[in-house]
Amino acid sequence: MFPEIEMIKIKRKRLGLTQKKLAELVGVSQPLIARIESGDFDPKLSLVRKIFEVLDEVEGKAINAERIMNSPVKTIEASAKLKDAVEEMMRDGISQMPVVRGGRVVGSITESGVVRIMLERGTAAGRIKVEECMEPPFPTVSKEECLDVISKLLLSSPAVIVGEEDRILGIITKHDVMKALRF
C-alpha cells in the first residue's frame, strides 16, 4: 500500500468523517472504504484521487469564517480624529479597522491608508476626521463562509468582516488565514 493511501484514514478521522459519510461523498460503499483503509484492497489511482479530492473539499469547507475570525472587533467612529485611530491601532497591534457611524460599517482605515495621508498632509493629518480619509469598507461574509472564498477576498482586501445583518461578529486578516494551516 502506498503511503498516500495510508493518509486517507488519518485525514478522514481528522475531519471527523465516518467511513460511511466518506463513502457517500465519494460514491462508493462503506465496506470498500474500510478495505482501502485496512490495506485489503488496492484501489485504482483514479479512485484514490477522487477520495483525496473529496477530503480536500471537505477540509476547505470545514474551516469557515466563524472558526478563524477575531472577535470582538475594534472599530473607530467616522467622526473621530485620525490620530485617535492611529493610537488605537498601535496600542492594540492591529493594522486595519472598520470605520463605523451609528454602529454601521461605513469604511475602513489601514496602515497603508494612514501612510498615504501622511505623505499628502504631513503630521497635520492627525487632526482630520477619519471620515475624511477612510477607505471603502472591507468585504463582508457570513460566519459560515468557507476558507476558499475568504482567501480570494483577501487577495484584494486587507481584511474581511464577518457579519450578520448589520452586526459585526468578527474580522479576518491574511494572518488568520495563514493560521488555518495549523488546523
N, C-alpha and C. Protein backbone atom coordinates (compact mmCIF):
# COMPACT_ATOMS: atom_id res chain seq x y z
N MET A 1 0.85 -1.18 0.00
CA MET A 1 0.00 0.00 0.00
C MET A 1 0.89 1.24 0.00
N PHE A 2 0.56 2.20 -0.87
CA PHE A 2 1.31 3.45 -0.95
C PHE A 2 1.10 4.27 0.32
N PRO A 3 2.11 5.02 0.75
CA PRO A 3 1.95 5.87 1.94
C PRO A 3 0.79 6.86 1.80
N GLU A 4 0.53 7.31 0.58
CA GLU A 4 -0.56 8.26 0.36
C GLU A 4 -1.91 7.65 0.75
N ILE A 5 -2.08 6.37 0.45
CA ILE A 5 -3.34 5.69 0.77
C ILE A 5 -3.51 5.61 2.28
N GLU A 6 -2.42 5.42 3.01
CA GLU A 6 -2.50 5.39 4.47
C GLU A 6 -3.00 6.71 5.03
N MET A 7 -2.82 7.80 4.29
CA MET A 7 -3.26 9.12 4.74
C MET A 7 -4.78 9.27 4.67
N ILE A 8 -5.46 8.43 3.92
CA ILE A 8 -6.92 8.54 3.80
C ILE A 8 -7.57 8.43 5.17
N LYS A 9 -7.22 7.41 5.92
CA LYS A 9 -7.81 7.19 7.24
C LYS A 9 -7.46 8.33 8.19
N ILE A 10 -6.21 8.75 8.17
CA ILE A 10 -5.75 9.83 9.05
C ILE A 10 -6.52 11.12 8.75
N LYS A 11 -6.59 11.46 7.48
CA LYS A 11 -7.27 12.70 7.08
C LYS A 11 -8.77 12.61 7.36
N ARG A 12 -9.36 11.45 7.08
CA ARG A 12 -10.79 11.26 7.32
C ARG A 12 -11.12 11.47 8.79
N LYS A 13 -10.33 10.87 9.67
CA LYS A 13 -10.57 10.99 11.11
C LYS A 13 -10.34 12.42 11.59
N ARG A 14 -9.31 13.08 11.07
CA ARG A 14 -9.03 14.46 11.46
C ARG A 14 -10.19 15.38 11.11
N LEU A 15 -10.86 15.07 10.00
CA LEU A 15 -12.01 15.88 9.57
C LEU A 15 -13.31 15.46 10.25
N GLY A 16 -13.25 14.41 11.06
CA GLY A 16 -14.43 13.96 11.78
C GLY A 16 -15.45 13.24 10.90
N LEU A 17 -14.98 12.65 9.80
CA LEU A 17 -15.87 11.91 8.90
C LEU A 17 -15.89 10.43 9.26
N THR A 18 -17.04 9.82 9.16
CA THR A 18 -17.12 8.37 9.31
C THR A 18 -16.80 7.75 7.95
N GLN A 19 -16.51 6.45 7.96
CA GLN A 19 -16.28 5.75 6.69
C GLN A 19 -17.55 5.82 5.84
N LYS A 20 -18.70 5.71 6.47
CA LYS A 20 -19.96 5.74 5.74
C LYS A 20 -20.15 7.09 5.05
N LYS A 21 -19.87 8.19 5.76
CA LYS A 21 -20.05 9.52 5.18
C LYS A 21 -19.06 9.73 4.03
N LEU A 22 -17.81 9.33 4.21
CA LEU A 22 -16.83 9.45 3.14
C LEU A 22 -17.27 8.65 1.92
N ALA A 23 -17.76 7.45 2.16
CA ALA A 23 -18.23 6.59 1.05
C ALA A 23 -19.36 7.28 0.29
N GLU A 24 -20.31 7.89 1.01
CA GLU A 24 -21.41 8.61 0.36
C GLU A 24 -20.88 9.75 -0.51
N LEU A 25 -19.95 10.50 0.04
CA LEU A 25 -19.41 11.66 -0.69
C LEU A 25 -18.63 11.24 -1.94
N VAL A 26 -17.94 10.11 -1.84
CA VAL A 26 -17.14 9.61 -2.96
C VAL A 26 -18.01 8.86 -3.97
N GLY A 27 -19.10 8.27 -3.49
CA GLY A 27 -19.98 7.50 -4.36
C GLY A 27 -19.60 6.02 -4.43
N VAL A 28 -19.08 5.50 -3.31
CA VAL A 28 -18.72 4.09 -3.22
C VAL A 28 -19.36 3.52 -1.95
N SER A 29 -19.15 2.24 -1.69
CA SER A 29 -19.71 1.63 -0.49
C SER A 29 -18.79 1.83 0.72
N GLN A 30 -19.39 1.79 1.91
CA GLN A 30 -18.60 1.90 3.14
C GLN A 30 -17.63 0.73 3.29
N PRO A 31 -18.05 -0.50 2.97
CA PRO A 31 -17.08 -1.60 3.07
C PRO A 31 -15.85 -1.40 2.17
N LEU A 32 -16.04 -0.76 1.03
CA LEU A 32 -14.89 -0.51 0.15
C LEU A 32 -13.92 0.46 0.82
N ILE A 33 -14.44 1.52 1.44
CA ILE A 33 -13.57 2.46 2.16
C ILE A 33 -12.84 1.73 3.27
N ALA A 34 -13.54 0.86 4.00
CA ALA A 34 -12.91 0.08 5.08
C ALA A 34 -11.78 -0.80 4.54
N ARG A 35 -12.02 -1.45 3.41
CA ARG A 35 -10.99 -2.31 2.81
C ARG A 35 -9.78 -1.51 2.34
N ILE A 36 -10.04 -0.34 1.77
CA ILE A 36 -8.93 0.52 1.32
C ILE A 36 -8.10 0.96 2.52
N GLU A 37 -8.77 1.41 3.58
CA GLU A 37 -8.05 1.89 4.76
C GLU A 37 -7.29 0.79 5.47
N SER A 38 -7.80 -0.44 5.43
CA SER A 38 -7.11 -1.54 6.10
C SER A 38 -6.00 -2.15 5.26
N GLY A 39 -5.95 -1.77 3.97
CA GLY A 39 -4.92 -2.29 3.09
C GLY A 39 -5.30 -3.60 2.43
N ASP A 40 -6.56 -4.02 2.58
CA ASP A 40 -7.04 -5.28 1.98
C ASP A 40 -7.40 -5.12 0.51
N PHE A 41 -7.44 -3.90 0.03
CA PHE A 41 -7.87 -3.66 -1.35
C PHE A 41 -6.94 -2.62 -1.97
N ASP A 42 -6.48 -2.89 -3.18
CA ASP A 42 -5.60 -1.98 -3.90
C ASP A 42 -6.45 -1.21 -4.92
N PRO A 43 -6.85 0.01 -4.58
CA PRO A 43 -7.75 0.76 -5.47
C PRO A 43 -7.03 1.33 -6.68
N LYS A 44 -7.82 1.63 -7.70
CA LYS A 44 -7.29 2.31 -8.87
C LYS A 44 -6.84 3.71 -8.47
N LEU A 45 -5.87 4.22 -9.20
CA LEU A 45 -5.36 5.56 -8.94
C LEU A 45 -6.48 6.60 -9.06
N SER A 46 -7.38 6.40 -10.01
CA SER A 46 -8.48 7.36 -10.19
C SER A 46 -9.37 7.41 -8.94
N LEU A 47 -9.59 6.28 -8.27
CA LEU A 47 -10.41 6.26 -7.06
C LEU A 47 -9.67 6.96 -5.91
N VAL A 48 -8.38 6.71 -5.81
CA VAL A 48 -7.59 7.36 -4.76
C VAL A 48 -7.64 8.88 -4.95
N ARG A 49 -7.48 9.31 -6.20
CA ARG A 49 -7.55 10.76 -6.49
C ARG A 49 -8.90 11.33 -6.09
N LYS A 50 -9.99 10.61 -6.42
CA LYS A 50 -11.34 11.09 -6.10
C LYS A 50 -11.52 11.19 -4.59
N ILE A 51 -11.02 10.20 -3.85
CA ILE A 51 -11.14 10.23 -2.38
C ILE A 51 -10.42 11.46 -1.83
N PHE A 52 -9.21 11.71 -2.32
CA PHE A 52 -8.47 12.87 -1.83
C PHE A 52 -9.12 14.19 -2.25
N GLU A 53 -9.71 14.24 -3.42
CA GLU A 53 -10.43 15.44 -3.84
C GLU A 53 -11.59 15.72 -2.90
N VAL A 54 -12.33 14.68 -2.55
CA VAL A 54 -13.46 14.83 -1.62
C VAL A 54 -12.95 15.28 -0.25
N LEU A 55 -11.89 14.65 0.24
CA LEU A 55 -11.33 15.02 1.55
C LEU A 55 -10.85 16.47 1.54
N ASP A 56 -10.19 16.88 0.46
CA ASP A 56 -9.72 18.27 0.35
C ASP A 56 -10.88 19.25 0.33
N GLU A 57 -11.95 18.88 -0.37
CA GLU A 57 -13.12 19.74 -0.43
C GLU A 57 -13.76 19.88 0.95
N VAL A 58 -13.90 18.77 1.65
CA VAL A 58 -14.48 18.80 2.99
C VAL A 58 -13.59 19.63 3.91
N GLU A 59 -12.29 19.48 3.78
CA GLU A 59 -11.37 20.23 4.62
C GLU A 59 -11.53 21.72 4.40
N GLY A 60 -11.65 22.14 3.16
CA GLY A 60 -11.83 23.56 2.87
C GLY A 60 -13.13 24.09 3.42
N LYS A 61 -14.18 23.27 3.40
CA LYS A 61 -15.47 23.70 3.91
C LYS A 61 -15.51 23.62 5.43
N ALA A 62 -14.69 22.77 6.03
CA ALA A 62 -14.70 22.60 7.47
C ALA A 62 -14.15 23.85 8.17
N ILE A 63 -13.26 24.55 7.50
CA ILE A 63 -12.72 25.77 8.09
C ILE A 63 -13.55 26.92 7.55
N ASN A 64 -14.37 27.48 8.42
CA ASN A 64 -15.23 28.57 7.99
C ASN A 64 -14.86 29.86 8.71
N ALA A 65 -15.54 30.93 8.36
CA ALA A 65 -15.24 32.25 8.90
C ALA A 65 -15.32 32.28 10.43
N GLU A 66 -16.34 31.65 10.96
CA GLU A 66 -16.53 31.67 12.42
C GLU A 66 -15.35 31.04 13.15
N ARG A 67 -14.75 30.05 12.52
CA ARG A 67 -13.66 29.32 13.16
C ARG A 67 -12.35 30.12 13.21
N ILE A 68 -12.14 31.02 12.26
CA ILE A 68 -10.86 31.74 12.22
C ILE A 68 -10.97 33.23 12.50
N MET A 69 -12.18 33.74 12.69
CA MET A 69 -12.35 35.18 12.90
C MET A 69 -11.86 35.62 14.28
N ASN A 70 -11.53 36.90 14.38
CA ASN A 70 -11.17 37.52 15.64
C ASN A 70 -12.38 38.32 16.13
N SER A 71 -12.69 38.17 17.41
CA SER A 71 -13.83 38.86 17.97
C SER A 71 -13.54 39.15 19.43
N PRO A 72 -13.98 40.27 19.97
CA PRO A 72 -14.73 41.34 19.33
C PRO A 72 -13.84 42.16 18.39
N VAL A 73 -14.49 42.93 17.53
CA VAL A 73 -13.77 43.72 16.53
C VAL A 73 -13.60 45.15 17.04
N LYS A 74 -12.38 45.62 16.96
CA LYS A 74 -12.08 47.00 17.31
C LYS A 74 -12.51 47.88 16.15
N THR A 75 -13.34 48.88 16.42
CA THR A 75 -13.81 49.80 15.38
C THR A 75 -13.48 51.23 15.80
N ILE A 76 -13.62 52.15 14.85
CA ILE A 76 -13.43 53.58 15.14
C ILE A 76 -14.60 54.35 14.52
N GLU A 77 -15.09 55.32 15.25
CA GLU A 77 -16.18 56.15 14.74
C GLU A 77 -15.67 57.05 13.62
N ALA A 78 -16.49 57.25 12.62
CA ALA A 78 -16.13 58.08 11.47
C ALA A 78 -15.78 59.50 11.90
N SER A 79 -16.40 59.99 12.97
CA SER A 79 -16.18 61.37 13.42
C SER A 79 -14.92 61.53 14.27
N ALA A 80 -14.24 60.43 14.61
CA ALA A 80 -13.01 60.51 15.42
C ALA A 80 -11.87 61.12 14.62
N LYS A 81 -10.89 61.64 15.33
CA LYS A 81 -9.69 62.19 14.70
C LYS A 81 -8.79 61.04 14.25
N LEU A 82 -8.08 61.25 13.15
CA LEU A 82 -7.18 60.23 12.63
C LEU A 82 -6.13 59.84 13.66
N LYS A 83 -5.64 60.82 14.43
CA LYS A 83 -4.61 60.49 15.44
C LYS A 83 -5.15 59.52 16.48
N ASP A 84 -6.45 59.59 16.80
CA ASP A 84 -7.05 58.66 17.75
C ASP A 84 -7.10 57.24 17.16
N ALA A 85 -7.42 57.16 15.88
CA ALA A 85 -7.44 55.86 15.20
C ALA A 85 -6.04 55.25 15.21
N VAL A 86 -5.03 56.05 14.90
CA VAL A 86 -3.65 55.57 14.87
C VAL A 86 -3.22 55.10 16.26
N GLU A 87 -3.58 55.88 17.29
CA GLU A 87 -3.21 55.49 18.66
C GLU A 87 -3.85 54.14 19.03
N GLU A 88 -5.12 53.94 18.67
CA GLU A 88 -5.79 52.67 18.98
C GLU A 88 -5.16 51.52 18.21
N MET A 89 -4.85 51.74 16.93
CA MET A 89 -4.23 50.70 16.13
C MET A 89 -2.88 50.30 16.71
N MET A 90 -2.09 51.29 17.10
CA MET A 90 -0.76 51.00 17.66
C MET A 90 -0.88 50.31 19.03
N ARG A 91 -1.79 50.78 19.85
CA ARG A 91 -1.97 50.20 21.19
C ARG A 91 -2.41 48.73 21.10
N ASP A 92 -3.31 48.45 20.15
CA ASP A 92 -3.86 47.10 20.03
C ASP A 92 -3.08 46.21 19.07
N GLY A 93 -2.05 46.77 18.41
CA GLY A 93 -1.24 45.98 17.49
C GLY A 93 -2.00 45.50 16.27
N ILE A 94 -2.89 46.35 15.75
CA ILE A 94 -3.65 45.98 14.56
C ILE A 94 -3.29 46.91 13.41
N SER A 95 -3.47 46.43 12.20
CA SER A 95 -3.07 47.22 11.03
C SER A 95 -4.25 47.76 10.24
N GLN A 96 -5.46 47.46 10.67
CA GLN A 96 -6.65 47.99 10.00
C GLN A 96 -7.85 47.90 10.93
N MET A 97 -8.82 48.77 10.69
CA MET A 97 -10.05 48.77 11.49
C MET A 97 -11.22 49.19 10.63
N PRO A 98 -12.39 48.62 10.90
CA PRO A 98 -13.60 49.12 10.25
C PRO A 98 -13.95 50.49 10.84
N VAL A 99 -14.48 51.35 9.99
CA VAL A 99 -14.96 52.66 10.43
C VAL A 99 -16.48 52.57 10.51
N VAL A 100 -17.04 53.01 11.63
CA VAL A 100 -18.48 52.91 11.83
C VAL A 100 -19.12 54.28 12.07
N ARG A 101 -20.40 54.35 11.77
CA ARG A 101 -21.21 55.51 12.10
C ARG A 101 -22.52 54.95 12.63
N GLY A 102 -22.79 55.19 13.90
CA GLY A 102 -24.01 54.65 14.49
C GLY A 102 -24.06 53.14 14.49
N GLY A 103 -22.92 52.48 14.62
CA GLY A 103 -22.87 51.03 14.66
C GLY A 103 -22.83 50.35 13.30
N ARG A 104 -23.00 51.11 12.23
CA ARG A 104 -22.96 50.54 10.87
C ARG A 104 -21.61 50.81 10.23
N VAL A 105 -21.06 49.81 9.54
CA VAL A 105 -19.77 49.97 8.88
C VAL A 105 -19.94 50.89 7.67
N VAL A 106 -19.12 51.95 7.63
CA VAL A 106 -19.18 52.91 6.53
C VAL A 106 -17.86 53.03 5.77
N GLY A 107 -16.80 52.41 6.30
CA GLY A 107 -15.50 52.49 5.65
C GLY A 107 -14.46 51.69 6.42
N SER A 108 -13.20 51.97 6.11
CA SER A 108 -12.10 51.28 6.79
C SER A 108 -10.91 52.22 6.88
N ILE A 109 -10.04 51.91 7.80
CA ILE A 109 -8.78 52.64 7.94
C ILE A 109 -7.68 51.60 8.03
N THR A 110 -6.61 51.81 7.26
CA THR A 110 -5.50 50.85 7.23
C THR A 110 -4.18 51.57 7.42
N GLU A 111 -3.16 50.82 7.79
CA GLU A 111 -1.82 51.39 7.93
C GLU A 111 -1.38 52.06 6.63
N SER A 112 -1.59 51.39 5.50
CA SER A 112 -1.15 51.97 4.23
C SER A 112 -1.94 53.25 3.92
N GLY A 113 -3.21 53.28 4.28
CA GLY A 113 -4.01 54.49 4.10
C GLY A 113 -3.50 55.64 4.95
N VAL A 114 -3.10 55.34 6.18
CA VAL A 114 -2.55 56.37 7.07
C VAL A 114 -1.24 56.90 6.50
N VAL A 115 -0.39 56.01 6.01
CA VAL A 115 0.89 56.44 5.43
C VAL A 115 0.64 57.33 4.22
N ARG A 116 -0.33 56.98 3.39
CA ARG A 116 -0.66 57.79 2.22
C ARG A 116 -1.12 59.19 2.64
N ILE A 117 -1.97 59.29 3.65
CA ILE A 117 -2.46 60.58 4.14
C ILE A 117 -1.31 61.38 4.72
N MET A 118 -0.41 60.70 5.42
CA MET A 118 0.76 61.39 5.98
C MET A 118 1.63 61.98 4.87
N LEU A 119 1.78 61.27 3.77
CA LEU A 119 2.55 61.79 2.64
C LEU A 119 1.89 63.03 2.05
N GLU A 120 0.56 63.01 2.00
CA GLU A 120 -0.18 64.13 1.42
C GLU A 120 -0.23 65.34 2.34
N ARG A 121 -0.42 65.12 3.64
CA ARG A 121 -0.70 66.23 4.57
C ARG A 121 0.31 66.40 5.69
N GLY A 122 1.27 65.51 5.78
CA GLY A 122 2.25 65.61 6.86
C GLY A 122 1.62 65.28 8.20
N THR A 123 2.26 65.76 9.28
CA THR A 123 1.76 65.44 10.62
C THR A 123 0.43 66.11 10.93
N ALA A 124 0.05 67.11 10.16
CA ALA A 124 -1.25 67.76 10.34
C ALA A 124 -2.39 66.78 10.05
N ALA A 125 -2.10 65.67 9.40
CA ALA A 125 -3.11 64.68 9.08
C ALA A 125 -3.78 64.12 10.33
N GLY A 126 -3.09 64.16 11.45
CA GLY A 126 -3.65 63.64 12.69
C GLY A 126 -4.89 64.38 13.16
N ARG A 127 -5.06 65.61 12.69
CA ARG A 127 -6.20 66.42 13.14
C ARG A 127 -7.45 66.24 12.29
N ILE A 128 -7.32 65.59 11.13
CA ILE A 128 -8.51 65.43 10.29
C ILE A 128 -9.37 64.28 10.82
N LYS A 129 -10.62 64.30 10.45
CA LYS A 129 -11.54 63.24 10.88
C LYS A 129 -11.31 61.99 10.03
N VAL A 130 -11.54 60.84 10.62
CA VAL A 130 -11.38 59.56 9.94
C VAL A 130 -12.24 59.51 8.68
N GLU A 131 -13.46 60.06 8.76
CA GLU A 131 -14.37 60.01 7.61
C GLU A 131 -13.83 60.79 6.40
N GLU A 132 -12.89 61.69 6.62
CA GLU A 132 -12.30 62.45 5.52
C GLU A 132 -11.21 61.67 4.77
N CYS A 133 -10.71 60.62 5.38
CA CYS A 133 -9.62 59.87 4.74
C CYS A 133 -9.85 58.36 4.72
N MET A 134 -11.03 57.93 5.15
CA MET A 134 -11.28 56.49 5.20
C MET A 134 -11.34 55.90 3.80
N GLU A 135 -11.10 54.59 3.75
CA GLU A 135 -11.15 53.83 2.51
C GLU A 135 -12.49 53.09 2.46
N PRO A 136 -12.82 52.44 1.34
CA PRO A 136 -14.08 51.68 1.29
C PRO A 136 -14.14 50.60 2.37
N PRO A 137 -15.35 50.18 2.74
CA PRO A 137 -15.48 49.12 3.75
C PRO A 137 -14.85 47.81 3.27
N PHE A 138 -14.44 47.01 4.22
CA PHE A 138 -13.94 45.67 3.90
C PHE A 138 -15.12 44.82 3.44
N PRO A 139 -14.88 43.82 2.61
CA PRO A 139 -15.98 42.93 2.21
C PRO A 139 -16.54 42.21 3.44
N THR A 140 -17.80 41.85 3.38
CA THR A 140 -18.47 41.16 4.49
C THR A 140 -18.93 39.78 4.05
N VAL A 141 -18.71 38.80 4.92
CA VAL A 141 -19.15 37.42 4.67
C VAL A 141 -19.94 36.93 5.88
N SER A 142 -20.67 35.85 5.69
CA SER A 142 -21.39 35.22 6.80
C SER A 142 -20.41 34.37 7.61
N LYS A 143 -20.81 33.99 8.80
CA LYS A 143 -19.94 33.18 9.65
C LYS A 143 -19.74 31.77 9.10
N GLU A 144 -20.60 31.35 8.16
CA GLU A 144 -20.47 30.02 7.55
C GLU A 144 -19.59 30.01 6.30
N GLU A 145 -19.14 31.18 5.84
CA GLU A 145 -18.38 31.25 4.58
C GLU A 145 -17.11 30.41 4.67
N CYS A 146 -16.77 29.72 3.57
CA CYS A 146 -15.63 28.81 3.57
C CYS A 146 -14.31 29.55 3.37
N LEU A 147 -13.26 28.87 3.75
CA LEU A 147 -11.90 29.42 3.69
C LEU A 147 -11.52 29.82 2.27
N ASP A 148 -11.94 29.07 1.28
CA ASP A 148 -11.59 29.35 -0.11
C ASP A 148 -12.09 30.74 -0.53
N VAL A 149 -13.33 31.05 -0.25
CA VAL A 149 -13.91 32.34 -0.62
C VAL A 149 -13.23 33.47 0.15
N ILE A 150 -13.01 33.25 1.44
CA ILE A 150 -12.35 34.26 2.28
C ILE A 150 -10.95 34.56 1.74
N SER A 151 -10.21 33.51 1.40
CA SER A 151 -8.85 33.67 0.88
C SER A 151 -8.85 34.50 -0.41
N LYS A 152 -9.80 34.24 -1.29
CA LYS A 152 -9.89 35.01 -2.54
C LYS A 152 -10.19 36.48 -2.27
N LEU A 153 -11.07 36.76 -1.31
CA LEU A 153 -11.37 38.15 -0.97
C LEU A 153 -10.15 38.86 -0.40
N LEU A 154 -9.34 38.13 0.36
CA LEU A 154 -8.16 38.73 0.98
C LEU A 154 -7.04 39.02 -0.01
N LEU A 155 -7.16 38.51 -1.22
CA LEU A 155 -6.17 38.85 -2.25
C LEU A 155 -6.29 40.31 -2.66
N SER A 156 -7.49 40.89 -2.50
CA SER A 156 -7.69 42.28 -2.91
C SER A 156 -8.14 43.19 -1.76
N SER A 157 -8.17 42.67 -0.55
CA SER A 157 -8.58 43.47 0.61
C SER A 157 -7.72 43.08 1.81
N PRO A 158 -7.37 44.03 2.66
CA PRO A 158 -6.54 43.68 3.82
C PRO A 158 -7.29 42.93 4.91
N ALA A 159 -8.63 42.95 4.86
CA ALA A 159 -9.42 42.25 5.88
C ALA A 159 -10.80 41.93 5.32
N VAL A 160 -11.48 41.01 6.01
CA VAL A 160 -12.85 40.64 5.68
C VAL A 160 -13.64 40.71 6.98
N ILE A 161 -14.80 41.33 6.92
CA ILE A 161 -15.69 41.42 8.08
C ILE A 161 -16.60 40.19 8.08
N VAL A 162 -16.82 39.62 9.23
CA VAL A 162 -17.81 38.56 9.39
C VAL A 162 -19.02 39.23 10.03
N GLY A 163 -20.13 39.20 9.31
CA GLY A 163 -21.29 39.92 9.81
C GLY A 163 -22.58 39.16 9.67
N GLU A 164 -23.56 39.66 10.39
CA GLU A 164 -24.90 39.08 10.37
C GLU A 164 -25.87 40.25 10.45
N GLU A 165 -26.62 40.47 9.38
CA GLU A 165 -27.47 41.65 9.23
C GLU A 165 -26.57 42.88 9.35
N ASP A 166 -26.80 43.75 10.34
CA ASP A 166 -25.94 44.93 10.49
C ASP A 166 -24.93 44.78 11.63
N ARG A 167 -24.82 43.58 12.18
CA ARG A 167 -23.89 43.36 13.30
C ARG A 167 -22.55 42.85 12.81
N ILE A 168 -21.49 43.35 13.41
CA ILE A 168 -20.14 42.85 13.14
C ILE A 168 -19.86 41.75 14.14
N LEU A 169 -19.63 40.54 13.64
CA LEU A 169 -19.34 39.40 14.51
C LEU A 169 -17.84 39.19 14.70
N GLY A 170 -17.07 39.50 13.65
CA GLY A 170 -15.64 39.27 13.71
C GLY A 170 -14.93 39.87 12.51
N ILE A 171 -13.62 39.72 12.50
CA ILE A 171 -12.79 40.21 11.40
C ILE A 171 -11.74 39.15 11.10
N ILE A 172 -11.39 39.02 9.83
CA ILE A 172 -10.38 38.05 9.40
C ILE A 172 -9.34 38.78 8.56
N THR A 173 -8.07 38.52 8.84
CA THR A 173 -6.98 39.08 8.06
C THR A 173 -6.19 37.95 7.39
N LYS A 174 -5.24 38.32 6.57
CA LYS A 174 -4.40 37.32 5.91
C LYS A 174 -3.69 36.44 6.94
N HIS A 175 -3.29 37.05 8.04
CA HIS A 175 -2.61 36.31 9.11
C HIS A 175 -3.50 35.20 9.65
N ASP A 176 -4.79 35.47 9.79
CA ASP A 176 -5.73 34.46 10.30
C ASP A 176 -5.86 33.29 9.33
N VAL A 177 -5.85 33.59 8.04
CA VAL A 177 -5.93 32.53 7.03
C VAL A 177 -4.67 31.67 7.10
N MET A 178 -3.52 32.30 7.27
CA MET A 178 -2.28 31.53 7.39
C MET A 178 -2.31 30.63 8.62
N LYS A 179 -2.91 31.10 9.72
CA LYS A 179 -3.01 30.28 10.92
C LYS A 179 -3.87 29.05 10.68
N ALA A 180 -4.77 29.11 9.70
CA ALA A 180 -5.65 27.98 9.40
C ALA A 180 -4.85 26.76 8.95
N LEU A 181 -3.63 26.95 8.49
CA LEU A 181 -2.79 25.82 8.09
C LEU A 181 -2.51 24.89 9.28
N ARG A 182 -2.66 25.41 10.48
CA ARG A 182 -2.39 24.60 11.68
C ARG A 182 -3.56 23.73 12.08
N PHE A 183 -4.75 23.97 11.49
CA PHE A 183 -5.95 23.18 11.85
C PHE A 183 -5.83 21.77 11.35
